[in-house]
N, C-alpha and C. Protein backbone atom coordinates (compact mmCIF):
# COMPACT_ATOMS: atom_id res chain seq x y z
N UNK A 1 -13.13 -18.66 38.12
CA UNK A 1 -13.22 -17.58 38.10
C UNK A 1 -12.22 -16.69 39.71
N UNK A 2 -12.12 -15.81 39.82
CA UNK A 2 -11.27 -15.02 40.60
C UNK A 2 -11.92 -15.37 42.07
N UNK A 3 -11.74 -14.44 43.36
CA UNK A 3 -12.22 -14.41 44.67
C UNK A 3 -13.73 -13.32 43.96
N UNK A 4 -14.96 -13.50 45.30
CA UNK A 4 -15.45 -12.23 45.08
C UNK A 4 -15.23 -11.27 45.67
N UNK A 5 -15.13 -10.41 44.80
CA UNK A 5 -14.43 -8.64 44.99
C UNK A 5 -16.18 -8.27 45.53
N UNK A 6 -17.18 -8.53 45.38
CA UNK A 6 -18.34 -7.46 45.64
C UNK A 6 -18.68 -7.14 47.06
N UNK A 7 -19.22 -5.99 47.23
CA UNK A 7 -19.62 -5.52 48.46
C UNK A 7 -21.17 -5.56 48.56
N UNK A 8 -21.58 -6.06 50.18
CA UNK A 8 -23.31 -6.06 49.75
C UNK A 8 -23.84 -6.94 49.17
N UNK A 9 -25.31 -7.10 49.28
CA UNK A 9 -26.18 -8.05 48.87
C UNK A 9 -26.18 -7.40 47.19
N UNK A 10 -26.43 -8.55 46.29
CA UNK A 10 -26.55 -8.43 45.33
C UNK A 10 -28.47 -8.82 45.11
N UNK A 11 -29.20 -8.17 43.72
CA UNK A 11 -30.37 -8.61 42.98
C UNK A 11 -30.08 -8.94 41.50
N UNK A 12 -30.26 -10.34 41.80
CA UNK A 12 -30.26 -10.98 40.07
C UNK A 12 -31.60 -10.80 39.50
N UNK A 13 -31.45 -10.56 38.25
CA UNK A 13 -32.95 -10.38 37.52
C UNK A 13 -32.94 -11.27 36.82
N UNK A 14 -33.96 -12.23 36.57
CA UNK A 14 -34.17 -13.70 35.92
C UNK A 14 -34.05 -13.06 34.52
N UNK A 15 -35.09 -12.12 33.92
CA UNK A 15 -34.35 -11.54 32.51
C UNK A 15 -33.72 -10.67 32.30
N UNK A 16 -33.01 -9.92 33.27
CA UNK A 16 -32.58 -8.68 32.94
C UNK A 16 -33.28 -7.71 33.02
N UNK A 17 -32.72 -6.55 33.07
CA UNK A 17 -33.62 -5.39 33.51
C UNK A 17 -32.88 -4.39 31.99
N UNK A 18 -33.88 -3.76 31.42
CA UNK A 18 -33.35 -2.90 29.91
C UNK A 18 -33.03 -1.78 30.52
N UNK A 19 -31.82 -1.22 30.32
CA UNK A 19 -31.07 0.28 30.25
C UNK A 19 -30.75 0.83 29.33
N UNK A 20 -30.31 1.90 29.47
CA UNK A 20 -29.33 2.69 28.44
C UNK A 20 -27.92 3.16 29.26
N UNK A 21 -26.87 3.20 28.35
CA UNK A 21 -25.38 3.51 29.06
C UNK A 21 -25.78 4.89 28.20
N UNK A 22 -24.68 5.94 28.89
CA UNK A 22 -24.63 7.15 27.75
C UNK A 22 -23.70 7.55 28.82
N UNK A 23 -22.73 8.47 27.41
CA UNK A 23 -21.53 9.40 27.82
C UNK A 23 -21.85 10.18 28.62
N UNK A 24 -21.13 11.02 29.89
CA UNK A 24 -21.38 11.82 30.70
C UNK A 24 -21.70 13.55 29.51
N UNK A 25 -20.88 13.56 28.31
CA UNK A 25 -21.10 14.55 27.36
C UNK A 25 -22.10 14.42 26.94
N UNK A 26 -22.80 12.90 26.46
CA UNK A 26 -23.97 12.58 25.95
C UNK A 26 -23.47 12.74 24.35
N UNK A 27 -22.45 12.24 24.08
CA UNK A 27 -21.85 12.04 22.58
C UNK A 27 -21.64 10.74 22.26
N UNK A 28 -22.36 9.92 23.30
CA UNK A 28 -22.58 8.20 22.80
C UNK A 28 -23.64 7.52 23.89
N UNK A 29 -24.10 6.69 23.46
CA UNK A 29 -25.33 5.87 23.85
C UNK A 29 -25.10 4.49 23.49
N UNK A 30 -25.63 3.25 24.36
CA UNK A 30 -25.88 1.88 24.51
C UNK A 30 -26.91 1.53 24.83
N UNK A 31 -27.70 0.80 24.08
CA UNK A 31 -28.49 -0.33 25.02
C UNK A 31 -27.91 -1.24 25.63
N UNK A 32 -28.35 -1.69 27.10
CA UNK A 32 -27.67 -2.89 27.70
C UNK A 32 -28.56 -3.35 28.35
N UNK A 33 -28.46 -4.40 29.28
CA UNK A 33 -29.32 -4.97 30.23
C UNK A 33 -28.54 -5.38 31.37
N UNK A 34 -29.10 -4.76 32.61
CA UNK A 34 -28.91 -4.71 33.88
C UNK A 34 -28.95 -6.62 34.31
N UNK A 35 -27.68 -7.00 34.41
CA UNK A 35 -27.94 -8.25 34.83
C UNK A 35 -28.11 -8.73 36.50
N UNK A 36 -27.74 -8.16 37.07
CA UNK A 36 -27.73 -7.53 38.59
C UNK A 36 -27.01 -6.40 39.18
N UNK A 37 -27.51 -6.13 40.44
CA UNK A 37 -27.47 -4.71 41.15
C UNK A 37 -27.43 -5.02 42.33
N UNK A 38 -26.40 -3.75 42.84
CA UNK A 38 -26.06 -3.84 44.50
C UNK A 38 -26.23 -2.62 44.72
N UNK A 39 -26.20 -2.05 45.86
CA UNK A 39 -26.02 -0.56 46.49
C UNK A 39 -24.81 0.30 45.81
N UNK A 40 -23.77 -0.53 45.71
CA UNK A 40 -22.56 -0.14 45.24
C UNK A 40 -22.32 -0.05 44.03
N UNK A 41 -22.99 -0.89 42.61
CA UNK A 41 -22.30 -1.29 41.53
C UNK A 41 -23.63 -2.18 40.88
N UNK A 42 -23.03 -2.87 39.32
CA UNK A 42 -24.16 -3.76 38.92
C UNK A 42 -23.12 -4.36 37.72
N UNK A 43 -23.94 -5.21 37.11
CA UNK A 43 -23.29 -6.13 36.16
C UNK A 43 -24.06 -5.99 35.07
N UNK A 44 -23.49 -5.49 33.61
CA UNK A 44 -24.13 -5.21 32.56
C UNK A 44 -23.88 -6.03 31.26
N UNK A 45 -25.07 -6.24 30.34
CA UNK A 45 -24.33 -6.88 29.30
C UNK A 45 -24.91 -5.58 28.43
N UNK A 46 -23.84 -5.32 27.10
CA UNK A 46 -23.82 -4.06 26.58
C UNK A 46 -23.93 -4.63 25.09
N UNK A 47 -25.21 -4.31 24.31
CA UNK A 47 -25.44 -4.49 23.21
C UNK A 47 -24.47 -3.48 22.25
N UNK A 48 -23.83 -4.06 21.34
CA UNK A 48 -22.76 -3.51 20.28
C UNK A 48 -21.55 -3.39 20.97
N UNK A 49 -20.53 -2.89 20.23
CA UNK A 49 -19.41 -2.74 20.93
C UNK A 49 -19.11 -1.73 21.78
N UNK A 50 -18.10 -1.84 22.86
CA UNK A 50 -18.04 -0.66 23.51
C UNK A 50 -16.45 -0.17 23.15
N UNK A 51 -15.46 -0.89 22.32
CA UNK A 51 -14.65 -0.03 22.03
C UNK A 51 -14.61 1.15 21.30
N UNK A 52 -13.55 2.45 21.89
CA UNK A 52 -13.50 3.46 21.91
C UNK A 52 -14.33 4.57 22.61
N UNK A 53 -15.50 3.70 23.11
CA UNK A 53 -16.25 4.46 24.39
C UNK A 53 -15.41 5.14 25.78
N UNK A 54 -15.59 6.07 26.04
CA UNK A 54 -14.93 6.87 26.80
C UNK A 54 -15.77 6.15 28.22
N UNK A 55 -15.17 4.91 29.07
CA UNK A 55 -16.26 4.81 29.71
C UNK A 55 -15.35 4.82 31.45
N UNK A 56 -14.50 5.37 31.30
CA UNK A 56 -13.94 6.10 32.76
C UNK A 56 -15.02 6.21 33.41
N UNK A 57 -16.26 7.16 32.96
CA UNK A 57 -17.26 7.77 33.84
C UNK A 57 -18.25 7.88 32.69
N UNK A 58 -19.84 7.27 33.33
CA UNK A 58 -20.81 7.31 32.13
C UNK A 58 -22.03 6.88 32.94
N UNK A 59 -22.94 7.77 32.16
CA UNK A 59 -24.30 7.51 32.86
C UNK A 59 -25.04 6.28 32.68
N UNK A 60 -25.85 5.71 33.85
CA UNK A 60 -26.49 4.15 33.44
C UNK A 60 -28.02 4.66 33.66
N UNK A 61 -28.46 4.76 32.35
CA UNK A 61 -30.08 5.63 32.19
C UNK A 61 -31.25 4.00 32.72
N UNK A 62 -31.66 4.49 33.59
CA UNK A 62 -32.95 3.21 34.41
C UNK A 62 -34.32 3.51 33.63
N UNK A 63 -34.50 4.75 33.15
CA UNK A 63 -36.03 4.78 32.69
C UNK A 63 -35.98 5.05 31.22
N UNK A 64 -36.75 5.26 30.71
CA UNK A 64 -36.96 5.79 29.09
C UNK A 64 -36.91 7.35 29.25
N UNK A 65 -37.02 8.05 30.20
CA UNK A 65 -37.46 9.60 29.87
C UNK A 65 -36.27 10.36 30.74
N UNK A 66 -34.87 9.10 31.08
CA UNK A 66 -33.74 9.39 31.88
C UNK A 66 -34.02 10.07 33.30
N UNK A 67 -34.88 10.22 33.94
CA UNK A 67 -35.07 10.89 35.03
C UNK A 67 -34.42 9.78 36.38
N UNK A 68 -34.35 8.62 35.85
CA UNK A 68 -33.99 8.00 36.90
C UNK A 68 -32.69 7.07 36.56
N UNK A 69 -31.44 7.42 36.99
CA UNK A 69 -30.25 7.26 36.22
C UNK A 69 -28.77 7.55 37.40
N UNK A 70 -28.05 6.49 37.05
CA UNK A 70 -26.68 6.27 37.94
C UNK A 70 -25.54 6.87 37.35
N UNK A 71 -24.72 7.41 37.92
CA UNK A 71 -23.39 7.98 37.46
C UNK A 71 -22.78 6.83 37.92
N UNK A 72 -21.70 6.45 36.83
CA UNK A 72 -20.84 4.89 37.08
C UNK A 72 -19.37 5.18 36.69
N UNK A 73 -18.66 4.35 37.02
CA UNK A 73 -17.39 4.11 36.25
C UNK A 73 -16.85 2.75 36.01
N UNK A 74 -15.88 2.50 35.17
CA UNK A 74 -16.19 0.84 34.42
C UNK A 74 -15.24 0.50 35.59
N UNK A 75 -15.65 -0.70 36.25
CA UNK A 75 -14.73 -1.69 36.90
C UNK A 75 -14.00 -2.96 36.35
N UNK A 76 -14.80 -3.46 35.34
CA UNK A 76 -14.05 -4.46 34.38
C UNK A 76 -14.83 -4.91 33.26
N UNK A 77 -14.37 -5.56 32.75
CA UNK A 77 -14.92 -6.18 31.17
C UNK A 77 -14.53 -7.29 30.99
N UNK A 78 -15.46 -8.16 30.20
CA UNK A 78 -15.51 -9.52 30.32
C UNK A 78 -16.19 -10.06 29.07
N UNK A 79 -15.95 -9.60 27.52
CA UNK A 79 -16.22 -9.89 26.84
C UNK A 79 -17.54 -8.85 26.65
N UNK A 80 -18.77 -9.16 26.52
CA UNK A 80 -20.05 -7.91 26.16
C UNK A 80 -20.71 -7.53 27.69
N UNK A 81 -19.83 -8.19 28.61
CA UNK A 81 -20.12 -8.00 29.88
C UNK A 81 -19.26 -7.06 30.57
N UNK A 82 -20.01 -5.78 31.52
CA UNK A 82 -18.92 -5.01 32.46
C UNK A 82 -19.73 -4.77 33.70
N UNK A 83 -18.79 -4.43 34.49
CA UNK A 83 -19.05 -4.06 35.91
C UNK A 83 -18.77 -2.74 36.25
N UNK A 84 -19.62 -2.32 36.61
CA UNK A 84 -19.52 -0.69 37.28
C UNK A 84 -19.61 -0.55 38.62
N UNK A 85 -19.04 0.63 38.91
CA UNK A 85 -19.08 0.77 40.32
C UNK A 85 -20.01 1.87 40.39
N UNK A 86 -21.30 2.26 41.12
CA UNK A 86 -21.97 3.77 41.01
C UNK A 86 -21.12 4.88 41.90
N UNK A 87 -21.01 5.88 41.41
CA UNK A 87 -20.18 7.09 41.99
C UNK A 87 -21.50 7.75 42.42
N UNK A 88 -21.05 8.54 43.64
CA UNK A 88 -21.70 9.71 44.79
C UNK A 88 -20.94 10.58 44.22
N UNK A 89 -21.85 11.68 44.42
CA UNK A 89 -21.37 13.22 44.32
C UNK A 89 -19.95 13.37 45.47
N UNK A 90 -20.61 13.06 46.95
CA UNK A 90 -19.89 13.20 47.74
C UNK A 90 -18.73 12.50 47.42
N UNK A 91 -18.68 11.47 46.68
CA UNK A 91 -17.37 10.30 46.52
C UNK A 91 -16.15 11.37 45.78
N UNK A 92 -16.76 11.91 44.89
CA UNK A 92 -15.96 12.90 44.03
C UNK A 92 -15.32 13.79 44.73
N UNK A 93 -16.24 14.66 45.80
CA UNK A 93 -15.42 15.78 46.75
C UNK A 93 -14.45 15.32 47.77
N UNK A 94 -14.60 13.61 47.69
CA UNK A 94 -13.82 13.23 48.98
C UNK A 94 -12.18 12.78 47.87
N UNK A 95 -12.47 12.72 46.94
CA UNK A 95 -11.62 12.34 46.13
C UNK A 95 -10.36 13.68 45.62
N UNK A 96 -11.35 14.73 45.32
CA UNK A 96 -10.67 15.72 45.02
C UNK A 96 -9.97 16.39 45.89
N UNK A 97 -10.55 16.52 47.65
CA UNK A 97 -9.95 16.66 48.53
C UNK A 97 -8.99 16.08 49.17
N UNK A 98 -8.83 14.83 48.85
CA UNK A 98 -7.64 13.69 49.28
C UNK A 98 -6.30 14.45 48.23
N UNK A 99 -6.42 14.65 47.01
CA UNK A 99 -5.72 15.08 46.09
C UNK A 99 -5.09 16.64 46.02
N UNK A 100 -5.95 17.23 46.92
CA UNK A 100 -5.47 18.52 47.47
C UNK A 100 -4.90 18.70 48.62
N UNK A 101 -4.81 17.52 49.48
CA UNK A 101 -4.13 17.43 50.62
C UNK A 101 -5.35 18.14 51.49
N UNK A 102 -6.48 18.17 51.49
CA UNK A 102 -7.27 18.49 52.35
C UNK A 102 -8.19 17.11 53.20
N UNK A 103 -8.28 16.99 54.74
CA UNK A 103 -8.89 15.98 55.19
C UNK A 103 -10.40 16.27 54.61
N UNK A 104 -11.35 14.86 55.04
CA UNK A 104 -12.74 15.08 54.69
C UNK A 104 -13.29 15.54 56.02
N UNK A 105 -12.78 15.59 56.79
CA UNK A 105 -13.71 16.71 57.87
C UNK A 105 -13.28 18.16 58.17
N UNK A 106 -12.42 18.80 57.05
CA UNK A 106 -11.83 19.72 57.20
C UNK A 106 -13.10 21.08 56.64
């Protein structure tokens, strides 16, 4: 394996934590198991194929009611496992501001 790229402390689940992935537009959903998690991201084992799914941005549903969730972007794929980075609303605003030539302090 390559060099460790993770930021921050990770919590590893002995048996994994059942969760669901869902497209931002709600057109797809997959069961998954969260293998580990940090403040910035997680490693998931996905049930079923991820081929053809729009994984640039999606939701990771952490509760059966969908009230606990994180907005994610795909970081890497290795077989049935994927790495995700958690997105914050503030991150999206900063990226949009940089694209438009506005500084974050403006």
